[in-house]
Amino acid sequence: MEAKAMARYIRISPRKVRQVMNLIRGRKVKEALDILSFTPKKAAYLIRKVLFSALANATQRRPKLNPEELYIKKVYADGGPTLRRIRARAMGRVGSILKRTTHITVVVGDREGV
């Protein structure tokens, strides 16, 4: 059994989010929540929210499910649309500023299928 949660169009670059995701990939949900709560990055807060949502989705599907049994099956960050802005540079030129967005996906499940 697995449950999935997504957060889309988050205003942070995917590279920054992947750094934090590598800390929790494959761990138990309780352990991952502990790691995320003590990681001082904006991405940790955002991933934690999505993980709580995935946990709620899992308990919604099977109310008798014990959250202690769940672990993180998949966690990934895909790039979303990029907001393109311009900045004036020297000699009348233009420099581009890319404001990246991210789609965060967390899939939790139990170890029965492994």
PDB file of N, CA and C in Angstrom:
ATOM      1  N   MET A   1       0.849  -1.177   0.000  1.00  0.00           N
ATOM      2  CA  MET A   1       0.000   0.000   0.000  1.00  0.00           C
ATOM      3  C   MET A   1       0.891   1.236   0.000  1.00  0.00           C
ATOM      4  N   GLU A   2       0.557   2.149  -0.842  1.00  0.00           N
ATOM      5  CA  GLU A   2       1.315   3.396  -0.865  1.00  0.00           C
ATOM      6  C   GLU A   2       0.386   4.576  -1.044  1.00  0.00           C
ATOM      7  N   ALA A   3       0.832   5.726  -0.560  1.00  0.00           N
ATOM      8  CA  ALA A   3       0.079   6.971  -0.675  1.00  0.00           C
ATOM      9  C   ALA A   3       1.032   8.057  -1.146  1.00  0.00           C
ATOM     10  N   LYS A   4       0.480   8.985  -1.913  1.00  0.00           N
ATOM     11  CA  LYS A   4       1.301   9.999  -2.560  1.00  0.00           C
ATOM     12  C   LYS A   4       0.761  11.387  -2.249  1.00  0.00           C
ATOM     13  N   ALA A   5       1.670  12.357  -2.163  1.00  0.00           N
ATOM     14  CA  ALA A   5       1.274  13.759  -1.992  1.00  0.00           C
ATOM     15  C   ALA A   5       2.203  14.616  -2.839  1.00  0.00           C
ATOM     16  N   MET A   6       1.662  15.699  -3.383  1.00  0.00           N
ATOM     17  CA  MET A   6       2.436  16.602  -4.231  1.00  0.00           C
ATOM     18  C   MET A   6       2.217  18.042  -3.802  1.00  0.00           C
ATOM     19  N   ALA A   7       3.254  18.833  -3.950  1.00  0.00           N
ATOM     20  CA  ALA A   7       3.148  20.286  -3.818  1.00  0.00           C
ATOM     21  C   ALA A   7       3.722  20.850  -5.112  1.00  0.00           C
ATOM     22  N   ARG A   8       2.944  21.659  -5.791  1.00  0.00           N
ATOM     23  CA  ARG A   8       3.371  22.136  -7.103  1.00  0.00           C
ATOM     24  C   ARG A   8       3.575  23.641  -7.097  1.00  0.00           C
ATOM     25  N   TYR A   9       4.436  24.090  -7.996  1.00  0.00           N
ATOM     26  CA  TYR A   9       4.735  25.506  -8.203  1.00  0.00           C
ATOM     27  C   TYR A   9       5.304  26.172  -6.940  1.00  0.00           C
ATOM     28  N   ILE A  10       6.191  25.485  -6.255  1.00  0.00           N
ATOM     29  CA  ILE A  10       6.828  26.020  -5.056  1.00  0.00           C
ATOM     30  C   ILE A  10       7.987  26.909  -5.494  1.00  0.00           C
ATOM     31  N   ARG A  11       8.092  28.099  -4.909  1.00  0.00           N
ATOM     32  CA  ARG A  11       9.109  29.074  -5.343  1.00  0.00           C
ATOM     33  C   ARG A  11      10.459  28.834  -4.671  1.00  0.00           C
ATOM     34  N   ILE A  12      11.097  27.746  -5.062  1.00  0.00           N
ATOM     35  CA  ILE A  12      12.451  27.431  -4.627  1.00  0.00           C
ATOM     36  C   ILE A  12      13.042  26.559  -5.732  1.00  0.00           C
ATOM     37  N   SER A  13      14.337  26.627  -5.920  1.00  0.00           N
ATOM     38  CA  SER A  13      14.926  25.868  -7.028  1.00  0.00           C
ATOM     39  C   SER A  13      14.979  24.381  -6.688  1.00  0.00           C
ATOM     40  N   PRO A  14      14.818  23.515  -7.680  1.00  0.00           N
ATOM     41  CA  PRO A  14      14.833  22.068  -7.439  1.00  0.00           C
ATOM     42  C   PRO A  14      16.153  21.580  -6.853  1.00  0.00           C
ATOM     43  N   ARG A  15      17.236  22.223  -7.188  1.00  0.00           N
ATOM     44  CA  ARG A  15      18.537  21.792  -6.687  1.00  0.00           C
ATOM     45  C   ARG A  15      18.630  21.934  -5.164  1.00  0.00           C
ATOM     46  N   LYS A  16      18.084  23.009  -4.635  1.00  0.00           N
ATOM     47  CA  LYS A  16      18.093  23.223  -3.193  1.00  0.00           C
ATOM     48  C   LYS A  16      17.211  22.205  -2.481  1.00  0.00           C
ATOM     49  N   VAL A  17      16.100  21.845  -3.115  1.00  0.00           N
ATOM     50  CA  VAL A  17      15.192  20.875  -2.516  1.00  0.00           C
ATOM     51  C   VAL A  17      15.815  19.477  -2.531  1.00  0.00           C
ATOM     52  N   ARG A  18      16.512  19.121  -3.599  1.00  0.00           N
ATOM     53  CA  ARG A  18      17.109  17.794  -3.701  1.00  0.00           C
ATOM     54  C   ARG A  18      18.190  17.562  -2.651  1.00  0.00           C
ATOM     55  N   GLN A  19      18.881  18.615  -2.236  1.00  0.00           N
ATOM     56  CA  GLN A  19      19.886  18.479  -1.176  1.00  0.00           C
ATOM     57  C   GLN A  19      19.258  17.962   0.112  1.00  0.00           C
ATOM     58  N   VAL A  20      18.084  18.468   0.445  1.00  0.00           N
ATOM     59  CA  VAL A  20      17.410  18.044   1.667  1.00  0.00           C
ATOM     60  C   VAL A  20      16.753  16.683   1.466  1.00  0.00           C
ATOM     61  N   MET A  21      16.237  16.414   0.270  1.00  0.00           N
ATOM     62  CA  MET A  21      15.596  15.128  -0.003  1.00  0.00           C
ATOM     63  C   MET A  21      16.555  13.958   0.147  1.00  0.00           C
ATOM     64  N   ASN A  22      17.812  14.181  -0.183  1.00  0.00           N
ATOM     65  CA  ASN A  22      18.789  13.105  -0.069  1.00  0.00           C
ATOM     66  C   ASN A  22      19.001  12.679   1.379  1.00  0.00           C
ATOM     67  N   LEU A  23      18.666  13.525   2.334  1.00  0.00           N
ATOM     68  CA  LEU A  23      18.815  13.180   3.745  1.00  0.00           C
ATOM     69  C   LEU A  23      17.773  12.166   4.205  1.00  0.00           C
ATOM     70  N   ILE A  24      16.589  12.167   3.580  1.00  0.00           N
ATOM     71  CA  ILE A  24      15.484  11.348   4.089  1.00  0.00           C
ATOM     72  C   ILE A  24      15.078  10.205   3.173  1.00  0.00           C
ATOM     73  N   ARG A  25      15.676  10.086   2.025  1.00  0.00           N
ATOM     74  CA  ARG A  25      15.264   9.071   1.059  1.00  0.00           C
ATOM     75  C   ARG A  25      15.432   7.661   1.642  1.00  0.00           C
ATOM     76  N   GLY A  26      14.336   6.859   1.630  1.00  0.00           N
ATOM     77  CA  GLY A  26      14.378   5.477   2.087  1.00  0.00           C
ATOM     78  C   GLY A  26      14.238   5.276   3.581  1.00  0.00           C
ATOM     79  N   ARG A  27      14.069   6.319   4.348  1.00  0.00           N
ATOM     80  CA  ARG A  27      13.987   6.191   5.808  1.00  0.00           C
ATOM     81  C   ARG A  27      12.543   5.999   6.262  1.00  0.00           C
ATOM     82  N   LYS A  28      12.376   5.630   7.531  1.00  0.00           N
ATOM     83  CA  LYS A  28      11.044   5.551   8.115  1.00  0.00           C
ATOM     84  C   LYS A  28      10.487   6.962   8.260  1.00  0.00           C
ATOM     85  N   VAL A  29       9.170   7.077   8.259  1.00  0.00           N
ATOM     86  CA  VAL A  29       8.520   8.395   8.293  1.00  0.00           C
ATOM     87  C   VAL A  29       8.865   9.131   9.583  1.00  0.00           C
ATOM     88  N   LYS A  30       8.828   8.450  10.713  1.00  0.00           N
ATOM     89  CA  LYS A  30       9.141   9.099  11.999  1.00  0.00           C
ATOM     90  C   LYS A  30      10.564   9.648  11.999  1.00  0.00           C
ATOM     91  N   GLU A  31      11.499   8.862  11.504  1.00  0.00           N
ATOM     92  CA  GLU A  31      12.899   9.288  11.446  1.00  0.00           C
ATOM     93  C   GLU A  31      13.071  10.474  10.493  1.00  0.00           C
ATOM     94  N   ALA A  32      12.371  10.421   9.358  1.00  0.00           N
ATOM     95  CA  ALA A  32      12.459  11.504   8.373  1.00  0.00           C
ATOM     96  C   ALA A  32      11.898  12.809   8.936  1.00  0.00           C
ATOM     97  N   LEU A  33      10.789  12.731   9.672  1.00  0.00           N
ATOM     98  CA  LEU A  33      10.211  13.933  10.272  1.00  0.00           C
ATOM     99  C   LEU A  33      11.159  14.541  11.301  1.00  0.00           C
ATOM    100  N   ASP A  34      11.859  13.686  12.054  1.00  0.00           N
ATOM    101  CA  ASP A  34      12.837  14.199  13.019  1.00  0.00           C
ATOM    102  C   ASP A  34      13.978  14.914  12.311  1.00  0.00           C
ATOM    103  N   ILE A  35      14.467  14.322  11.237  1.00  0.00           N
ATOM    104  CA  ILE A  35      15.567  14.937  10.482  1.00  0.00           C
ATOM    105  C   ILE A  35      15.138  16.279   9.900  1.00  0.00           C
ATOM    106  N   LEU A  36      13.936  16.302   9.316  1.00  0.00           N
ATOM    107  CA  LEU A  36      13.458  17.538   8.683  1.00  0.00           C
ATOM    108  C   LEU A  36      13.188  18.644   9.695  1.00  0.00           C
ATOM    109  N   SER A  37      12.744  18.276  10.888  1.00  0.00           N
ATOM    110  CA  SER A  37      12.440  19.314  11.871  1.00  0.00           C
ATOM    111  C   SER A  37      13.705  19.994  12.392  1.00  0.00           C
ATOM    112  N   PHE A  38      14.864  19.314  12.289  1.00  0.00           N
ATOM    113  CA  PHE A  38      16.113  19.904  12.762  1.00  0.00           C
ATOM    114  C   PHE A  38      17.042  20.350  11.637  1.00  0.00           C
ATOM    115  N   THR A  39      16.556  20.346  10.410  1.00  0.00           N
ATOM    116  CA  THR A  39      17.356  20.820   9.287  1.00  0.00           C
ATOM    117  C   THR A  39      17.018  22.281   9.027  1.00  0.00           C
ATOM    118  N   PRO A  40      17.991  23.190   9.145  1.00  0.00           N
ATOM    119  CA  PRO A  40      17.691  24.621   9.050  1.00  0.00           C
ATOM    120  C   PRO A  40      17.660  25.142   7.616  1.00  0.00           C
ATOM    121  N   LYS A  41      16.790  24.603   6.799  1.00  0.00           N
ATOM    122  CA  LYS A  41      16.645  25.067   5.419  1.00  0.00           C
ATOM    123  C   LYS A  41      15.171  25.240   5.107  1.00  0.00           C
ATOM    124  N   LYS A  42      14.880  26.147   4.197  1.00  0.00           N
ATOM    125  CA  LYS A  42      13.498  26.384   3.782  1.00  0.00           C
ATOM    126  C   LYS A  42      12.912  25.132   3.147  1.00  0.00           C
ATOM    127  N   ALA A  43      13.725  24.407   2.384  1.00  0.00           N
ATOM    128  CA  ALA A  43      13.261  23.194   1.708  1.00  0.00           C
ATOM    129  C   ALA A  43      12.812  22.141   2.711  1.00  0.00           C
ATOM    130  N   ALA A  44      13.446  22.076   3.876  1.00  0.00           N
ATOM    131  CA  ALA A  44      13.072  21.088   4.887  1.00  0.00           C
ATOM    132  C   ALA A  44      11.648  21.340   5.372  1.00  0.00           C
ATOM    133  N   TYR A  45      11.304  22.590   5.573  1.00  0.00           N
ATOM    134  CA  TYR A  45       9.947  22.941   5.987  1.00  0.00           C
ATOM    135  C   TYR A  45       8.928  22.537   4.918  1.00  0.00           C
ATOM    136  N   LEU A  46       9.244  22.799   3.661  1.00  0.00           N
ATOM    137  CA  LEU A  46       8.317  22.488   2.568  1.00  0.00           C
ATOM    138  C   LEU A  46       8.147  20.977   2.390  1.00  0.00           C
ATOM    139  N   ILE A  47       9.238  20.227   2.457  1.00  0.00           N
ATOM    140  CA  ILE A  47       9.159  18.773   2.318  1.00  0.00           C
ATOM    141  C   ILE A  47       8.392  18.175   3.490  1.00  0.00           C
ATOM    142  N   ARG A  48       8.590  18.740   4.678  1.00  0.00           N
ATOM    143  CA  ARG A  48       7.886  18.248   5.864  1.00  0.00           C
ATOM    144  C   ARG A  48       6.371  18.388   5.701  1.00  0.00           C
ATOM    145  N   LYS A  49       5.930  19.521   5.129  1.00  0.00           N
ATOM    146  CA  LYS A  49       4.501  19.716   4.891  1.00  0.00           C
ATOM    147  C   LYS A  49       3.950  18.673   3.927  1.00  0.00           C
ATOM    148  N   VAL A  50       4.699  18.375   2.866  1.00  0.00           N
ATOM    149  CA  VAL A  50       4.248  17.392   1.886  1.00  0.00           C
ATOM    150  C   VAL A  50       4.256  15.993   2.502  1.00  0.00           C
ATOM    151  N   LEU A  51       5.226  15.706   3.348  1.00  0.00           N
ATOM    152  CA  LEU A  51       5.292  14.401   4.014  1.00  0.00           C
ATOM    153  C   LEU A  51       4.106  14.213   4.953  1.00  0.00           C
ATOM    154  N   PHE A  52       3.727  15.262   5.680  1.00  0.00           N
ATOM    155  CA  PHE A  52       2.538  15.185   6.529  1.00  0.00           C
ATOM    156  C   PHE A  52       1.286  14.929   5.690  1.00  0.00           C
ATOM    157  N   SER A  53       1.210  15.541   4.524  1.00  0.00           N
ATOM    158  CA  SER A  53       0.073  15.332   3.637  1.00  0.00           C
ATOM    159  C   SER A  53       0.029  13.893   3.131  1.00  0.00           C
ATOM    160  N   ALA A  54       1.176  13.340   2.764  1.00  0.00           N
ATOM    161  CA  ALA A  54       1.228  11.948   2.309  1.00  0.00           C
ATOM    162  C   ALA A  54       0.831  10.999   3.433  1.00  0.00           C
ATOM    163  N   LEU A  55       1.246  11.306   4.645  1.00  0.00           N
ATOM    164  CA  LEU A  55       0.887  10.501   5.807  1.00  0.00           C
ATOM    165  C   LEU A  55      -0.624  10.548   6.050  1.00  0.00           C
ATOM    166  N   ALA A  56      -1.216  11.724   5.902  1.00  0.00           N
ATOM    167  CA  ALA A  56      -2.666  11.869   6.055  1.00  0.00           C
ATOM    168  C   ALA A  56      -3.402  11.110   4.956  1.00  0.00           C
ATOM    169  N   ASN A  57      -2.871  11.136   3.740  1.00  0.00           N
ATOM    170  CA  ASN A  57      -3.491  10.393   2.648  1.00  0.00           C
ATOM    171  C   ASN A  57      -3.440   8.890   2.917  1.00  0.00           C
ATOM    172  N   ALA A  58      -2.347   8.406   3.491  1.00  0.00           N
ATOM    173  CA  ALA A  58      -2.216   6.978   3.792  1.00  0.00           C
ATOM    174  C   ALA A  58      -3.203   6.560   4.872  1.00  0.00           C
ATOM    175  N   THR A  59      -3.354   7.372   5.908  1.00  0.00           N
ATOM    176  CA  THR A  59      -4.293   7.018   6.973  1.00  0.00           C
ATOM    177  C   THR A  59      -5.743   7.196   6.530  1.00  0.00           C
ATOM    178  N   GLN A  60      -5.959   8.031   5.549  1.00  0.00           N
ATOM    179  CA  GLN A  60      -7.310   8.182   4.995  1.00  0.00           C
ATOM    180  C   GLN A  60      -7.712   6.931   4.214  1.00  0.00           C
ATOM    181  N   ARG A  61      -6.768   6.349   3.497  1.00  0.00           N
ATOM    182  CA  ARG A  61      -7.044   5.137   2.726  1.00  0.00           C
ATOM    183  C   ARG A  61      -7.286   3.940   3.622  1.00  0.00           C
ATOM    184  N   ARG A  62      -6.416   3.764   4.617  1.00  0.00           N
ATOM    185  CA  ARG A  62      -6.558   2.651   5.558  1.00  0.00           C
ATOM    186  C   ARG A  62      -6.515   3.207   6.974  1.00  0.00           C
ATOM    187  N   PRO A  63      -7.672   3.420   7.598  1.00  0.00           N
ATOM    188  CA  PRO A  63      -7.718   4.047   8.922  1.00  0.00           C
ATOM    189  C   PRO A  63      -7.002   3.242  10.009  1.00  0.00           C
ATOM    190  N   LYS A  64      -6.920   1.929   9.860  1.00  0.00           N
ATOM    191  CA  LYS A  64      -6.277   1.102  10.887  1.00  0.00           C
ATOM    192  C   LYS A  64      -4.771   0.994  10.694  1.00  0.00           C
ATOM    193  N   LEU A  65      -4.239   1.731   9.741  1.00  0.00           N
ATOM    194  CA  LEU A  65      -2.808   1.681   9.443  1.00  0.00           C
ATOM    195  C   LEU A  65      -1.998   2.337  10.553  1.00  0.00           C
ATOM    196  N   ASN A  66      -0.909   1.700  10.921  1.00  0.00           N
ATOM    197  CA  ASN A  66      -0.006   2.252  11.932  1.00  0.00           C
ATOM    198  C   ASN A  66       1.035   3.120  11.225  1.00  0.00           C
ATOM    199  N   PRO A  67       1.102   4.420  11.526  1.00  0.00           N
ATOM    200  CA  PRO A  67       2.073   5.288  10.849  1.00  0.00           C
ATOM    201  C   PRO A  67       3.530   4.918  11.134  1.00  0.00           C
ATOM    202  N   GLU A  68       3.769   4.161  12.207  1.00  0.00           N
ATOM    203  CA  GLU A  68       5.124   3.734  12.543  1.00  0.00           C
ATOM    204  C   GLU A  68       5.686   2.762  11.502  1.00  0.00           C
ATOM    205  N   GLU A  69       4.810   2.061  10.779  1.00  0.00           N
ATOM    206  CA  GLU A  69       5.237   1.057   9.803  1.00  0.00           C
ATOM    207  C   GLU A  69       5.638   1.678   8.461  1.00  0.00           C
ATOM    208  N   LEU A  70       5.244   2.908   8.218  1.00  0.00           N
ATOM    209  CA  LEU A  70       5.464   3.515   6.910  1.00  0.00           C
ATOM    210  C   LEU A  70       6.905   3.997   6.746  1.00  0.00           C
ATOM    211  N   TYR A  71       7.351   3.967   5.518  1.00  0.00           N
ATOM    212  CA  TYR A  71       8.652   4.526   5.175  1.00  0.00           C
ATOM    213  C   TYR A  71       8.514   5.286   3.869  1.00  0.00           C
ATOM    214  N   ILE A  72       9.532   6.037   3.516  1.00  0.00           N
ATOM    215  CA  ILE A  72       9.484   6.853   2.308  1.00  0.00           C
ATOM    216  C   ILE A  72       9.952   6.006   1.135  1.00  0.00           C
ATOM    217  N   LYS A  73       9.020   5.677   0.248  1.00  0.00           N
ATOM    218  CA  LYS A  73       9.359   4.878  -0.930  1.00  0.00           C
ATOM    219  C   LYS A  73      10.064   5.717  -1.983  1.00  0.00           C
ATOM    220  N   LYS A  74       9.456   6.848  -2.312  1.00  0.00           N
ATOM    221  CA  LYS A  74      10.024   7.742  -3.325  1.00  0.00           C
ATOM    222  C   LYS A  74       9.881   9.177  -2.846  1.00  0.00           C
ATOM    223  N   VAL A  75      10.861   9.966  -3.166  1.00  0.00           N
ATOM    224  CA  VAL A  75      10.777  11.405  -2.922  1.00  0.00           C
ATOM    225  C   VAL A  75      11.601  12.072  -4.019  1.00  0.00           C
ATOM    226  N   TYR A  76      10.972  12.979  -4.748  1.00  0.00           N
ATOM    227  CA  TYR A  76      11.690  13.638  -5.832  1.00  0.00           C
ATOM    228  C   TYR A  76      11.148  15.043  -6.072  1.00  0.00           C
ATOM    229  N   ALA A  77      12.005  15.848  -6.684  1.00  0.00           N
ATOM    230  CA  ALA A  77      11.666  17.240  -6.996  1.00  0.00           C
ATOM    231  C   ALA A  77      11.875  17.460  -8.487  1.00  0.00           C
ATOM    232  N   ASP A  78      10.817  17.810  -9.162  1.00  0.00           N
ATOM    233  CA  ASP A  78      10.881  18.125 -10.585  1.00  0.00           C
ATOM    234  C   ASP A  78      10.829  19.634 -10.759  1.00  0.00           C
ATOM    235  N   GLY A  79      11.452  20.104 -11.800  1.00  0.00           N
ATOM    236  CA  GLY A  79      11.419  21.530 -12.094  1.00  0.00           C
ATOM    237  C   GLY A  79      10.072  21.951 -12.644  1.00  0.00           C
ATOM    238  N   GLY A  80       9.590  23.067 -12.173  1.00  0.00           N
ATOM    239  CA  GLY A  80       8.346  23.624 -12.680  1.00  0.00           C
ATOM    240  C   GLY A  80       8.654  24.726 -13.679  1.00  0.00           C
ATOM    241  N   PRO A  81       7.675  25.531 -14.014  1.00  0.00           N
ATOM    242  CA  PRO A  81       7.925  26.636 -14.938  1.00  0.00           C
ATOM    243  C   PRO A  81       8.844  27.688 -14.316  1.00  0.00           C
ATOM    244  N   THR A  82       9.672  28.267 -15.137  1.00  0.00           N
ATOM    245  CA  THR A  82      10.627  29.269 -14.680  1.00  0.00           C
ATOM    246  C   THR A  82      10.105  30.663 -14.990  1.00  0.00           C
ATOM    247  N   LEU A  83      10.107  31.524 -13.976  1.00  0.00           N
ATOM    248  CA  LEU A  83       9.728  32.915 -14.183  1.00  0.00           C
ATOM    249  C   LEU A  83      10.954  33.663 -14.674  1.00  0.00           C
ATOM    250  N   ARG A  84      10.837  34.332 -15.795  1.00  0.00           N
ATOM    251  CA  ARG A  84      11.988  35.021 -16.368  1.00  0.00           C
ATOM    252  C   ARG A  84      11.849  36.525 -16.138  1.00  0.00           C
ATOM    253  N   ARG A  85      12.865  37.081 -15.507  1.00  0.00           N
ATOM    254  CA  ARG A  85      12.908  38.509 -15.230  1.00  0.00           C
ATOM    255  C   ARG A  85      14.177  39.072 -15.850  1.00  0.00           C
ATOM    256  N   ILE A  86      14.189  40.385 -16.037  1.00  0.00           N
ATOM    257  CA  ILE A  86      15.387  41.004 -16.615  1.00  0.00           C
ATOM    258  C   ILE A  86      15.939  42.039 -15.655  1.00  0.00           C
ATOM    259  N   ARG A  87      17.240  42.278 -15.805  1.00  0.00           N
ATOM    260  CA  ARG A  87      17.931  43.272 -14.989  1.00  0.00           C
ATOM    261  C   ARG A  87      18.841  44.074 -15.905  1.00  0.00           C
ATOM    262  N   ALA A  88      18.834  45.366 -15.736  1.00  0.00           N
ATOM    263  CA  ALA A  88      19.673  46.227 -16.563  1.00  0.00           C
ATOM    264  C   ALA A  88      21.147  46.006 -16.233  1.00  0.00           C
ATOM    265  N   ARG A  89      21.963  45.901 -17.261  1.00  0.00           N
ATOM    266  CA  ARG A  89      23.404  45.716 -17.103  1.00  0.00           C
ATOM    267  C   ARG A  89      24.143  46.874 -17.773  1.00  0.00           C
ATOM    268  N   ALA A  90      25.437  46.783 -17.833  1.00  0.00           N
ATOM    269  CA  ALA A  90      26.238  47.873 -18.382  1.00  0.00           C
ATOM    270  C   ALA A  90      26.052  48.013 -19.889  1.00  0.00           C
ATOM    271  N   MET A  91      26.259  49.217 -20.390  1.00  0.00           N
ATOM    272  CA  MET A  91      26.218  49.547 -21.812  1.00  0.00           C
ATOM    273  C   MET A  91      24.898  49.170 -22.481  1.00  0.00           C
ATOM    274  N   GLY A  92      23.799  49.325 -21.768  1.00  0.00           N
ATOM    275  CA  GLY A  92      22.485  49.111 -22.351  1.00  0.00           C
ATOM    276  C   GLY A  92      22.092  47.661 -22.544  1.00  0.00           C
ATOM    277  N   ARG A  93      22.851  46.754 -22.017  1.00  0.00           N
ATOM    278  CA  ARG A  93      22.537  45.331 -22.166  1.00  0.00           C
ATOM    279  C   ARG A  93      21.560  44.881 -21.073  1.00  0.00           C
ATOM    280  N   VAL A  94      21.093  43.656 -21.243  1.00  0.00           N
ATOM    281  CA  VAL A  94      20.130  43.098 -20.301  1.00  0.00           C
ATOM    282  C   VAL A  94      20.676  41.787 -19.764  1.00  0.00           C
ATOM    283  N   GLY A  95      20.567  41.594 -18.460  1.00  0.00           N
ATOM    284  CA  GLY A  95      20.917  40.320 -17.845  1.00  0.00           C
ATOM    285  C   GLY A  95      19.639  39.623 -17.420  1.00  0.00           C
ATOM    286  N   SER A  96      19.582  38.316 -17.622  1.00  0.00           N
ATOM    287  CA  SER A  96      18.354  37.600 -17.288  1.00  0.00           C
ATOM    288  C   SER A  96      18.450  37.019 -15.884  1.00  0.00           C
ATOM    289  N   ILE A  97      17.337  37.038 -15.172  1.00  0.00           N
ATOM    290  CA  ILE A  97      17.208  36.434 -13.853  1.00  0.00           C
ATOM    291  C   ILE A  97      16.170  35.330 -13.985  1.00  0.00           C
ATOM    292  N   LEU A  98      16.536  34.119 -13.581  1.00  0.00           N
ATOM    293  CA  LEU A  98      15.633  32.980 -13.649  1.00  0.00           C
ATOM    294  C   LEU A  98      15.124  32.664 -12.252  1.00  0.00           C
ATOM    295  N   LYS A  99      13.839  32.789 -12.051  1.00  0.00           N
ATOM    296  CA  LYS A  99      13.229  32.452 -10.759  1.00  0.00           C
ATOM    297  C   LYS A  99      12.572  31.094 -10.932  1.00  0.00           C
ATOM    298  N   ARG A 100      13.210  30.074 -10.400  1.00  0.00           N
ATOM    299  CA  ARG A 100      12.789  28.699 -10.644  1.00  0.00           C
ATOM    300  C   ARG A 100      11.689  28.265  -9.678  1.00  0.00           C
ATOM    301  N   THR A 101      10.862  27.321 -10.141  1.00  0.00           N
ATOM    302  CA  THR A 101       9.831  26.713  -9.298  1.00  0.00           C
ATOM    303  C   THR A 101      10.026  25.201  -9.283  1.00  0.00           C
ATOM    304  N   THR A 102       9.389  24.557  -8.319  1.00  0.00           N
ATOM    305  CA  THR A 102       9.599  23.133  -8.092  1.00  0.00           C
ATOM    306  C   THR A 102       8.277  22.432  -7.845  1.00  0.00           C
ATOM    307  N   HIS A 103       8.187  21.191  -8.305  1.00  0.00           N
ATOM    308  CA  HIS A 103       7.096  20.288  -7.945  1.00  0.00           C
ATOM    309  C   HIS A 103       7.692  19.222  -7.027  1.00  0.00           C
ATOM    310  N   ILE A 104       7.227  19.165  -5.780  1.00  0.00           N
ATOM    311  CA  ILE A 104       7.734  18.200  -4.805  1.00  0.00           C
ATOM    312  C   ILE A 104       6.753  17.048  -4.705  1.00  0.00           C
ATOM    313  N   THR A 105       7.256  15.803  -4.793  1.00  0.00           N
ATOM    314  CA  THR A 105       6.436  14.612  -4.691  1.00  0.00           C
ATOM    315  C   THR A 105       7.002  13.677  -3.636  1.00  0.00           C
ATOM    316  N   VAL A 106       6.136  13.199  -2.736  1.00  0.00           N
ATOM    317  CA  VAL A 106       6.529  12.248  -1.707  1.00  0.00           C
ATOM    318  C   VAL A 106       5.589  11.054  -1.779  1.00  0.00           C
ATOM    319  N   VAL A 107       6.150   9.840  -1.828  1.00  0.00           N
ATOM    320  CA  VAL A 107       5.360   8.605  -1.824  1.00  0.00           C
ATOM    321  C   VAL A 107       5.788   7.804  -0.598  1.00  0.00           C
ATOM    322  N   VAL A 108       4.800   7.481   0.260  1.00  0.00           N
ATOM    323  CA  VAL A 108       5.068   6.650   1.443  1.00  0.00           C
ATOM    324  C   VAL A 108       4.371   5.318   1.271  1.00  0.00           C
ATOM    325  N   GLY A 109       4.932   4.289   1.901  1.00  0.00           N
ATOM    326  CA  GLY A 109       4.342   2.967   1.817  1.00  0.00           C
ATOM    327  C   GLY A 109       4.873   2.078   2.922  1.00  0.00           C
ATOM    328  N   ASP A 110       4.333   0.852   2.959  1.00  0.00           N
ATOM    329  CA  ASP A 110       4.835  -0.099   3.944  1.00  0.00           C
ATOM    330  C   ASP A 110       5.784  -1.068   3.259  1.00  0.00           C
ATOM    331  N   ARG A 111       6.472  -1.857   4.024  1.00  0.00           N
ATOM    332  CA  ARG A 111       7.521  -2.739   3.501  1.00  0.00           C
ATOM    333  C   ARG A 111       6.987  -4.055   2.960  1.00  0.00           C
ATOM    334  N   GLU A 112       5.671  -4.274   2.956  1.00  0.00           N
ATOM    335  CA  GLU A 112       5.098  -5.538   2.491  1.00  0.00           C
ATOM    336  C   GLU A 112       5.395  -5.806   1.024  1.00  0.00           C
ATOM    337  N   GLY A 113       5.375  -4.767   0.196  1.00  0.00           N
ATOM    338  CA  GLY A 113       5.583  -4.948  -1.233  1.00  0.00           C
ATOM    339  C   GLY A 113       7.022  -5.130  -1.630  1.00  0.00           C
ATOM    340  N   VAL A 114       7.949  -4.995  -0.683  1.00  0.00           N
ATOM    341  CA  VAL A 114       9.378  -5.066  -1.011  1.00  0.00           C
ATOM    342  C   VAL A 114       9.872  -6.489  -0.915  1.00  0.00           C
TER     343      VAL A 114
END
